[in-house]
């Protein structure tokens, strides 16, 4: 089961869609791992998979370094603060926060899908009509 979870999360992460989100969800649901441990496991998972994705993205010239550097710096600061906060949070509250995050991501992704589908349909109608 761990191999399947790792492969699925790695593929999703390599696609740039947040493999850690999937990893935490699968570890919590399928292996019944406590939220704190699932999130910490995600950090260990994230580093090598992110390095792999960075190498491929740099090779394909898909990274804007001017934007990337400040994001890295502030992301590290935010990660430190978030990790400190989460260590003091009750597991139930942490799980609810993670669930709310997943719902927000799902709503946003659904909205983007519908918006792109409508745009594609409109472009197709303009070309055909």
Protein backbone atom coordinates (compact mmCIF):
# COMPACT_ATOMS: atom_id res chain seq x y z
CA UNK A 1 0.00 0.00 0.00
CA UNK A 2 2.84 2.42 0.82
CA UNK A 3 4.34 1.89 -2.65
CA UNK A 4 1.05 2.74 -4.37
CA UNK A 5 0.56 5.83 -2.19
CA UNK A 6 4.12 6.98 -2.95
CA UNK A 7 3.75 6.46 -6.70
CA UNK A 8 0.39 8.27 -6.90
CA UNK A 9 1.62 11.19 -4.78
CA UNK A 10 4.86 11.36 -6.79
CA UNK A 11 3.04 11.51 -10.11
CA UNK A 12 0.66 14.20 -8.87
CA UNK A 13 3.60 16.13 -7.39
CA UNK A 14 5.58 15.82 -10.61
CA UNK A 15 2.63 17.28 -12.48
CA UNK A 16 2.86 20.29 -10.17
CA UNK A 17 -0.47 19.74 -8.47
CA UNK A 18 0.63 19.19 -4.90
CA UNK A 19 1.52 15.56 -4.40
CA UNK A 20 1.83 16.24 -0.68
CA UNK A 21 -1.84 17.00 -0.44
CA UNK A 22 -2.65 13.62 -1.92
CA UNK A 23 0.02 11.95 0.23
CA UNK A 24 -1.35 13.37 3.48
CA UNK A 25 -4.89 12.43 2.52
CA UNK A 26 -3.95 8.86 1.58
CA UNK A 27 -1.74 8.32 4.63
CA UNK A 28 -4.51 9.55 6.90
CA UNK A 29 -7.37 7.68 5.25
CA UNK A 30 -5.80 4.44 4.03
CA UNK A 31 -3.10 3.85 6.62
CA UNK A 32 -4.86 5.61 9.54
CA UNK A 33 -1.77 7.66 10.34
CA UNK A 34 -2.16 10.60 12.72
CA UNK A 35 -2.34 13.98 10.97
CA UNK A 36 0.88 15.35 12.53
CA UNK A 37 2.82 12.28 11.41
CA UNK A 38 1.28 12.33 7.92
CA UNK A 39 2.24 15.98 7.49
CA UNK A 40 5.77 15.40 8.75
CA UNK A 41 6.10 12.39 6.44
CA UNK A 42 5.01 14.65 3.60
CA UNK A 43 7.94 16.97 4.31
CA UNK A 44 10.41 14.10 3.94
CA UNK A 45 8.60 12.99 0.77
CA UNK A 46 8.51 16.52 -0.62
CA UNK A 47 12.23 17.34 -0.68
CA UNK A 48 13.49 14.65 -3.09
CA UNK A 49 10.39 14.79 -5.29
CA UNK A 50 10.61 18.59 -5.48
CA UNK A 51 14.30 18.41 -6.43
CA UNK A 52 13.43 15.98 -9.23
CA UNK A 53 10.65 18.25 -10.50
CA UNK A 54 12.94 21.31 -10.28
CA UNK A 55 15.64 19.60 -12.37
CA UNK A 56 13.14 18.70 -15.10
CA UNK A 57 11.51 22.15 -15.00
CA UNK A 58 14.86 23.96 -15.18
CA UNK A 59 15.92 21.77 -18.09
CA UNK A 60 12.71 22.71 -19.92
CA UNK A 61 13.06 26.42 -19.01
CA UNK A 62 9.77 26.42 -17.11
CA UNK A 63 10.97 28.29 -14.01
CA UNK A 64 11.07 32.06 -13.64
CA UNK A 65 14.05 32.52 -11.32
CA UNK A 66 13.20 36.17 -10.52
CA UNK A 67 9.84 35.07 -9.14
CA UNK A 68 11.14 31.78 -7.72
CA UNK A 69 13.78 33.17 -5.34
CA UNK A 70 11.42 35.40 -3.29
CA UNK A 71 8.81 32.62 -3.25
CA UNK A 72 11.44 30.19 -1.92
CA UNK A 73 12.56 32.58 0.80
CA UNK A 74 9.06 33.48 1.99
CA UNK A 75 7.89 29.89 1.55
CA UNK A 76 10.64 28.69 3.90
CA UNK A 77 9.67 31.31 6.47
CA UNK A 78 6.00 30.34 6.14
CA UNK A 79 6.84 26.64 6.40
CA UNK A 80 8.77 27.22 9.62
CA UNK A 81 5.94 29.27 11.14
CA UNK A 82 3.31 26.75 10.00
CA UNK A 83 5.27 23.80 11.38
CA UNK A 84 5.66 25.56 14.73
CA UNK A 85 1.95 26.38 14.88
CA UNK A 86 0.90 22.84 13.92
CA UNK A 87 2.95 21.26 16.72
CA UNK A 88 0.75 23.07 19.24
CA UNK A 89 -2.55 22.29 17.52
CA UNK A 90 -4.91 19.53 18.53
CA UNK A 91 -4.97 16.73 15.93
CA UNK A 92 -8.73 17.16 15.45
CA UNK A 93 -8.41 20.86 14.69
CA UNK A 94 -5.45 20.23 12.40
CA UNK A 95 -7.45 17.60 10.52
CA UNK A 96 -10.39 19.99 10.13
CA UNK A 97 -8.09 22.74 8.84
CA UNK A 98 -6.60 20.32 6.32
CA UNK A 99 -10.09 19.22 5.26
CA UNK A 100 -11.17 22.84 4.78
CA UNK A 101 -8.03 23.42 2.70
CA UNK A 102 -8.89 20.43 0.49
CA UNK A 103 -12.44 21.70 0.00
CA UNK A 104 -11.16 25.15 -0.99
CA UNK A 105 -8.71 23.62 -3.46
CA UNK A 106 -11.45 21.40 -4.91
CA UNK A 107 -13.79 24.38 -5.38
CA UNK A 108 -11.05 26.44 -7.01
CA UNK A 109 -10.01 23.60 -9.33
CA UNK A 110 -13.65 22.99 -10.30
CA UNK A 111 -14.13 26.69 -11.03
CA UNK A 112 -10.99 26.79 -13.18
CA UNK A 113 -12.07 23.67 -15.07
CA UNK A 114 -15.54 25.09 -15.81
CA UNK A 115 -14.08 28.47 -16.82
CA UNK A 116 -11.57 26.85 -19.20
CA UNK A 117 -14.24 24.53 -20.62
CA UNK A 118 -16.52 27.51 -21.35
CA UNK A 119 -13.66 29.46 -22.93
CA UNK A 120 -12.74 26.47 -25.10
CA UNK A 121 -16.37 26.02 -26.16
CA UNK A 122 -16.71 29.73 -27.02
CA UNK A 123 -13.50 29.67 -29.08
CA UNK A 124 -14.71 26.57 -30.90
CA UNK A 125 -18.07 28.24 -31.70
CA UNK A 126 -16.34 31.39 -33.01
CA UNK A 127 -14.15 29.34 -35.34
CA UNK A 128 -17.03 27.19 -36.56
CA UNK A 129 -19.69 29.90 -36.78
